[in-house]
């Protein structure tokens, strides 16, 4: 199963459109699960470290736990987010914060162990800053860098990234990005169906 995490609170956003294009191609050959993160009920991490001993969040059951289980059962992960202040959206960050122990095993004082070695990941962001500013570390690349840090900690192999600049002008470049997203979706679906 390929897990899609849509970090955009706007369901008609550029990052959502690109994710939907990847999904449409991937689901031709693979099973997919789509989650709009802004619709999930996820209590923020309290930093209590209660998850460290048994590898499971000790907060009351919510959608954060459900996503942790989906991460464990997925064979590939596709994450998309708008760029906010050079980073991912707040709801997506809160979701990942809650799922540290679903991404890597962390005994207190020990080196973390990735839990998703061999799984594939695709990362997508859309930034309203114009090129070349969107490619600066503080803009679109910052969001991709943050996402890459998380998925790499889990052992995911990042197959492709998409960073769209000047998102407000997306319609003028949408054919290029849609074509690229379709190719990525086909490749991901084919790779996933073989594994």
C-alpha atoms as a PDB file:
ATOM      1  CA  UNK A   1       0.000   0.000   0.000  1.00  0.00           C
ATOM      2  CA  UNK A   2       1.222   3.502  -0.884  1.00  0.00           C
ATOM      3  CA  UNK A   3       0.389   6.056   1.809  1.00  0.00           C
ATOM      4  CA  UNK A   4      -0.341   9.619   0.663  1.00  0.00           C
ATOM      5  CA  UNK A   5      -0.140  12.359   3.295  1.00  0.00           C
ATOM      6  CA  UNK A   6      -1.574  15.636   2.012  1.00  0.00           C
ATOM      7  CA  UNK A   7      -0.280  18.361   4.301  1.00  0.00           C
ATOM      8  CA  UNK A   8      -2.187  21.185   2.622  1.00  0.00           C
ATOM      9  CA  UNK A   9      -5.172  22.643   4.475  1.00  0.00           C
ATOM     10  CA  UNK A  10      -6.460  23.854   1.092  1.00  0.00           C
ATOM     11  CA  UNK A  11      -7.793  20.865  -0.793  1.00  0.00           C
ATOM     12  CA  UNK A  12      -7.601  22.727  -4.120  1.00  0.00           C
ATOM     13  CA  UNK A  13      -3.965  23.755  -3.653  1.00  0.00           C
ATOM     14  CA  UNK A  14      -1.068  23.232  -6.051  1.00  0.00           C
ATOM     15  CA  UNK A  15       0.600  20.644  -3.802  1.00  0.00           C
ATOM     16  CA  UNK A  16      -2.711  18.747  -3.526  1.00  0.00           C
ATOM     17  CA  UNK A  17      -3.138  18.797  -7.327  1.00  0.00           C
ATOM     18  CA  UNK A  18       0.338  17.321  -7.816  1.00  0.00           C
ATOM     19  CA  UNK A  19      -0.293  14.638  -5.180  1.00  0.00           C
ATOM     20  CA  UNK A  20      -3.625  13.728  -6.817  1.00  0.00           C
ATOM     21  CA  UNK A  21      -1.865  13.367 -10.180  1.00  0.00           C
ATOM     22  CA  UNK A  22       0.748  11.032  -8.667  1.00  0.00           C
ATOM     23  CA  UNK A  23      -2.029   9.093  -6.922  1.00  0.00           C
ATOM     24  CA  UNK A  24      -4.078   8.666 -10.132  1.00  0.00           C
ATOM     25  CA  UNK A  25      -1.122   7.014 -11.871  1.00  0.00           C
ATOM     26  CA  UNK A  26       0.102   4.952  -8.905  1.00  0.00           C
ATOM     27  CA  UNK A  27      -3.318   3.472  -8.124  1.00  0.00           C
ATOM     28  CA  UNK A  28      -3.486   1.941 -11.615  1.00  0.00           C
ATOM     29  CA  UNK A  29      -1.084  -0.739 -10.374  1.00  0.00           C
ATOM     30  CA  UNK A  30      -1.025  -0.364  -6.569  1.00  0.00           C
ATOM     31  CA  UNK A  31      -3.322   0.095  -3.604  1.00  0.00           C
ATOM     32  CA  UNK A  32      -3.249   3.602  -2.156  1.00  0.00           C
ATOM     33  CA  UNK A  33      -4.424   5.214   1.079  1.00  0.00           C
ATOM     34  CA  UNK A  34      -5.041   8.997   0.981  1.00  0.00           C
ATOM     35  CA  UNK A  35      -5.153  11.180   4.101  1.00  0.00           C
ATOM     36  CA  UNK A  36      -5.826  14.920   4.267  1.00  0.00           C
ATOM     37  CA  UNK A  37      -3.779  15.748   7.338  1.00  0.00           C
ATOM     38  CA  UNK A  38      -5.743  18.915   8.144  1.00  0.00           C
ATOM     39  CA  UNK A  39      -8.865  16.744   8.627  1.00  0.00           C
ATOM     40  CA  UNK A  40      -7.179  14.466  11.174  1.00  0.00           C
ATOM     41  CA  UNK A  41      -7.558  14.820  14.929  1.00  0.00           C
ATOM     42  CA  UNK A  42      -3.997  14.816  16.243  1.00  0.00           C
ATOM     43  CA  UNK A  43      -3.089  16.098  19.684  1.00  0.00           C
ATOM     44  CA  UNK A  44       0.361  17.755  19.612  1.00  0.00           C
ATOM     45  CA  UNK A  45       3.303  15.872  21.075  1.00  0.00           C
ATOM     46  CA  UNK A  46       3.962  16.861  24.696  1.00  0.00           C
ATOM     47  CA  UNK A  47       7.614  15.775  24.669  1.00  0.00           C
ATOM     48  CA  UNK A  48       7.006  13.442  27.614  1.00  0.00           C
ATOM     49  CA  UNK A  49       9.175  10.681  26.062  1.00  0.00           C
ATOM     50  CA  UNK A  50       6.686   8.091  27.317  1.00  0.00           C
ATOM     51  CA  UNK A  51       6.841   6.532  23.843  1.00  0.00           C
ATOM     52  CA  UNK A  52      10.521   5.621  24.201  1.00  0.00           C
ATOM     53  CA  UNK A  53      10.227   2.456  26.334  1.00  0.00           C
ATOM     54  CA  UNK A  54       7.546   0.633  24.317  1.00  0.00           C
ATOM     55  CA  UNK A  55       7.683   2.428  20.943  1.00  0.00           C
ATOM     56  CA  UNK A  56       4.109   3.714  21.116  1.00  0.00           C
ATOM     57  CA  UNK A  57       2.682   7.139  21.904  1.00  0.00           C
ATOM     58  CA  UNK A  58       1.133   7.229  25.384  1.00  0.00           C
ATOM     59  CA  UNK A  59      -1.356  10.017  24.617  1.00  0.00           C
ATOM     60  CA  UNK A  60      -5.065   9.111  24.322  1.00  0.00           C
ATOM     61  CA  UNK A  61      -5.897   7.295  21.076  1.00  0.00           C
ATOM     62  CA  UNK A  62      -6.386   9.642  18.119  1.00  0.00           C
ATOM     63  CA  UNK A  63      -5.575   9.828  14.407  1.00  0.00           C
ATOM     64  CA  UNK A  64      -1.873  10.158  15.218  1.00  0.00           C
ATOM     65  CA  UNK A  65      -1.904   6.523  16.362  1.00  0.00           C
ATOM     66  CA  UNK A  66      -3.798   5.470  13.226  1.00  0.00           C
ATOM     67  CA  UNK A  67      -1.219   7.139  10.960  1.00  0.00           C
ATOM     68  CA  UNK A  68       1.576   5.442  12.908  1.00  0.00           C
ATOM     69  CA  UNK A  69       0.039   2.063  12.089  1.00  0.00           C
ATOM     70  CA  UNK A  70      -0.384   3.048   8.425  1.00  0.00           C
ATOM     71  CA  UNK A  71       3.275   4.067   8.265  1.00  0.00           C
ATOM     72  CA  UNK A  72       4.169   0.626   9.555  1.00  0.00           C
ATOM     73  CA  UNK A  73       2.109  -1.165   6.922  1.00  0.00           C
ATOM     74  CA  UNK A  74       2.839   1.014   3.883  1.00  0.00           C
ATOM     75  CA  UNK A  75       5.392   0.010   1.269  1.00  0.00           C
ATOM     76  CA  UNK A  76       5.856   3.587   0.016  1.00  0.00           C
ATOM     77  CA  UNK A  77       5.105   7.104   1.246  1.00  0.00           C
ATOM     78  CA  UNK A  78       4.149  10.215  -0.719  1.00  0.00           C
ATOM     79  CA  UNK A  79       4.102  13.468   1.249  1.00  0.00           C
ATOM     80  CA  UNK A  80       3.027  16.861  -0.035  1.00  0.00           C
ATOM     81  CA  UNK A  81       2.836  20.232   1.670  1.00  0.00           C
ATOM     82  CA  UNK A  82       2.745  23.908   0.887  1.00  0.00           C
ATOM     83  CA  UNK A  83       5.849  25.780   2.015  1.00  0.00           C
ATOM     84  CA  UNK A  84       5.129  27.880   5.096  1.00  0.00           C
ATOM     85  CA  UNK A  85       8.050  29.901   6.471  1.00  0.00           C
ATOM     86  CA  UNK A  86      10.503  27.614   4.704  1.00  0.00           C
ATOM     87  CA  UNK A  87       8.964  24.507   6.221  1.00  0.00           C
ATOM     88  CA  UNK A  88       6.024  22.100   6.024  1.00  0.00           C
ATOM     89  CA  UNK A  89       2.514  22.977   7.192  1.00  0.00           C
ATOM     90  CA  UNK A  90       1.827  22.959  10.942  1.00  0.00           C
ATOM     91  CA  UNK A  91      -0.621  20.013  10.938  1.00  0.00           C
ATOM     92  CA  UNK A  92       1.869  17.850   9.017  1.00  0.00           C
ATOM     93  CA  UNK A  93       4.697  18.748  11.391  1.00  0.00           C
ATOM     94  CA  UNK A  94       2.478  17.918  14.405  1.00  0.00           C
ATOM     95  CA  UNK A  95       1.638  14.542  12.833  1.00  0.00           C
ATOM     96  CA  UNK A  96       5.304  13.669  12.295  1.00  0.00           C
ATOM     97  CA  UNK A  97       6.233  14.868  15.800  1.00  0.00           C
ATOM     98  CA  UNK A  98       3.679  12.450  17.219  1.00  0.00           C
ATOM     99  CA  UNK A  99       5.047   9.559  15.168  1.00  0.00           C
ATOM    100  CA  UNK A 100       8.744   9.579  15.993  1.00  0.00           C
ATOM    101  CA  UNK A 101       8.574   5.996  17.257  1.00  0.00           C
ATOM    102  CA  UNK A 102       6.612   4.913  14.161  1.00  0.00           C
ATOM    103  CA  UNK A 103       9.494   6.232  12.054  1.00  0.00           C
ATOM    104  CA  UNK A 104      12.509   5.133  14.086  1.00  0.00           C
ATOM    105  CA  UNK A 105      13.088   3.008  17.172  1.00  0.00           C
ATOM    106  CA  UNK A 106      14.638   5.151  19.910  1.00  0.00           C
ATOM    107  CA  UNK A 107      15.758   3.667  23.186  1.00  0.00           C
ATOM    108  CA  UNK A 108      16.840   6.345  25.640  1.00  0.00           C
ATOM    109  CA  UNK A 109      20.536   7.010  25.183  1.00  0.00           C
ATOM    110  CA  UNK A 110      20.808   4.709  22.158  1.00  0.00           C
ATOM    111  CA  UNK A 111      21.323   5.428  18.469  1.00  0.00           C
ATOM    112  CA  UNK A 112      17.935   5.488  16.647  1.00  0.00           C
ATOM    113  CA  UNK A 113      17.169   2.561  14.333  1.00  0.00           C
ATOM    114  CA  UNK A 114      15.230   3.255  11.100  1.00  0.00           C
ATOM    115  CA  UNK A 115      11.991   1.235  10.856  1.00  0.00           C
ATOM    116  CA  UNK A 116      11.345   1.610   7.109  1.00  0.00           C
ATOM    117  CA  UNK A 117      14.521   0.500   5.348  1.00  0.00           C
ATOM    118  CA  UNK A 118      13.913  -0.276   1.684  1.00  0.00           C
ATOM    119  CA  UNK A 119      10.639   1.659   1.433  1.00  0.00           C
ATOM    120  CA  UNK A 120      10.306   4.424  -1.171  1.00  0.00           C
ATOM    121  CA  UNK A 121       9.274   8.051  -0.647  1.00  0.00           C
ATOM    122  CA  UNK A 122       8.247  10.959  -2.873  1.00  0.00           C
ATOM    123  CA  UNK A 123       8.287  14.517  -1.487  1.00  0.00           C
ATOM    124  CA  UNK A 124       6.302  17.446  -2.935  1.00  0.00           C
ATOM    125  CA  UNK A 125       6.086  21.114  -2.008  1.00  0.00           C
ATOM    126  CA  UNK A 126       4.643  24.226  -3.598  1.00  0.00           C
ATOM    127  CA  UNK A 127       5.998  27.632  -2.675  1.00  0.00           C
ATOM    128  CA  UNK A 128       4.510  30.975  -3.629  1.00  0.00           C
ATOM    129  CA  UNK A 129       7.916  32.663  -3.669  1.00  0.00           C
ATOM    130  CA  UNK A 130       9.145  33.223  -7.234  1.00  0.00           C
ATOM    131  CA  UNK A 131      12.139  31.358  -8.661  1.00  0.00           C
ATOM    132  CA  UNK A 132      15.057  31.565  -7.704  1.00  0.00           C
ATOM    133  CA  UNK A 133      13.966  32.608  -4.168  1.00  0.00           C
ATOM    134  CA  UNK A 134      11.825  29.471  -3.851  1.00  0.00           C
ATOM    135  CA  UNK A 135      14.943  27.351  -4.258  1.00  0.00           C
ATOM    136  CA  UNK A 136      16.753  29.031  -1.376  1.00  0.00           C
ATOM    137  CA  UNK A 137      17.168  26.994   1.793  1.00  0.00           C
ATOM    138  CA  UNK A 138      14.709  29.263   3.577  1.00  0.00           C
ATOM    139  CA  UNK A 139      11.897  28.600   1.116  1.00  0.00           C
ATOM    140  CA  UNK A 140      10.867  25.517  -0.923  1.00  0.00           C
ATOM    141  CA  UNK A 141      14.118  23.689  -0.355  1.00  0.00           C
ATOM    142  CA  UNK A 142      13.674  24.231   3.383  1.00  0.00           C
ATOM    143  CA  UNK A 143      10.373  22.333   3.316  1.00  0.00           C
ATOM    144  CA  UNK A 144      11.917  19.509   1.272  1.00  0.00           C
ATOM    145  CA  UNK A 145      14.956  19.423   3.564  1.00  0.00           C
ATOM    146  CA  UNK A 146      12.700  19.067   6.636  1.00  0.00           C
ATOM    147  CA  UNK A 147      10.662  16.282   5.031  1.00  0.00           C
ATOM    148  CA  UNK A 148      13.814  14.523   3.828  1.00  0.00           C
ATOM    149  CA  UNK A 149      15.251  14.621   7.375  1.00  0.00           C
ATOM    150  CA  UNK A 150      12.161  12.824   8.691  1.00  0.00           C
ATOM    151  CA  UNK A 151      11.830  10.145   6.013  1.00  0.00           C
ATOM    152  CA  UNK A 152      15.570   9.457   5.912  1.00  0.00           C
ATOM    153  CA  UNK A 153      15.541   8.968   9.704  1.00  0.00           C
ATOM    154  CA  UNK A 154      13.007   6.223   9.024  1.00  0.00           C
ATOM    155  CA  UNK A 155      15.164   4.618   6.337  1.00  0.00           C
ATOM    156  CA  UNK A 156      12.966   5.619   3.391  1.00  0.00           C
ATOM    157  CA  UNK A 157      14.725   5.978   0.042  1.00  0.00           C
ATOM    158  CA  UNK A 158      13.662   9.293  -1.522  1.00  0.00           C
ATOM    159  CA  UNK A 159      13.007   8.519  -5.194  1.00  0.00           C
ATOM    160  CA  UNK A 160      11.992  12.011  -6.321  1.00  0.00           C
ATOM    161  CA  UNK A 161      11.210  15.466  -5.032  1.00  0.00           C
ATOM    162  CA  UNK A 162       9.113  18.189  -6.625  1.00  0.00           C
ATOM    163  CA  UNK A 163       9.518  21.831  -5.619  1.00  0.00           C
ATOM    164  CA  UNK A 164       7.127  24.156  -7.434  1.00  0.00           C
ATOM    165  CA  UNK A 165       7.926  27.856  -7.223  1.00  0.00           C
ATOM    166  CA  UNK A 166       5.550  30.740  -7.946  1.00  0.00           C
ATOM    167  CA  UNK A 167       2.578  28.550  -7.069  1.00  0.00           C
ATOM    168  CA  UNK A 168       0.178  31.426  -7.759  1.00  0.00           C
ATOM    169  CA  UNK A 169       1.236  31.191 -11.421  1.00  0.00           C
ATOM    170  CA  UNK A 170       0.878  27.387 -11.519  1.00  0.00           C
ATOM    171  CA  UNK A 171      -1.614  27.370 -14.401  1.00  0.00           C
ATOM    172  CA  UNK A 172       1.091  28.705 -16.736  1.00  0.00           C
ATOM    173  CA  UNK A 173       3.434  25.800 -15.918  1.00  0.00           C
ATOM    174  CA  UNK A 174       0.917  23.116 -14.938  1.00  0.00           C
ATOM    175  CA  UNK A 175       1.462  20.991 -18.080  1.00  0.00           C
ATOM    176  CA  UNK A 176       5.161  20.567 -17.226  1.00  0.00           C
ATOM    177  CA  UNK A 177       4.488  19.705 -13.563  1.00  0.00           C
ATOM    178  CA  UNK A 178       1.523  17.449 -14.292  1.00  0.00           C
ATOM    179  CA  UNK A 179       3.568  15.522 -16.840  1.00  0.00           C
ATOM    180  CA  UNK A 180       6.385  15.069 -14.328  1.00  0.00           C
ATOM    181  CA  UNK A 181       3.930  14.000 -11.597  1.00  0.00           C
ATOM    182  CA  UNK A 182       2.333  11.407 -13.906  1.00  0.00           C
ATOM    183  CA  UNK A 183       5.746   9.913 -14.700  1.00  0.00           C
ATOM    184  CA  UNK A 184       6.608   9.755 -10.987  1.00  0.00           C
ATOM    185  CA  UNK A 185       3.253   8.116 -10.202  1.00  0.00           C
ATOM    186  CA  UNK A 186       3.737   5.489 -12.922  1.00  0.00           C
ATOM    187  CA  UNK A 187       7.258   4.702 -11.694  1.00  0.00           C
ATOM    188  CA  UNK A 188       6.159   4.511  -8.057  1.00  0.00           C
ATOM    189  CA  UNK A 189       3.197   2.275  -8.933  1.00  0.00           C
ATOM    190  CA  UNK A 190       5.433  -0.037 -10.967  1.00  0.00           C
ATOM    191  CA  UNK A 191       8.113  -0.243  -8.271  1.00  0.00           C
ATOM    192  CA  UNK A 192       5.507  -0.816  -5.579  1.00  0.00           C
ATOM    193  CA  UNK A 193       3.665  -3.539  -7.518  1.00  0.00           C
ATOM    194  CA  UNK A 194       6.920  -5.525  -7.842  1.00  0.00           C
ATOM    195  CA  UNK A 195       7.686  -5.376  -4.102  1.00  0.00           C
END
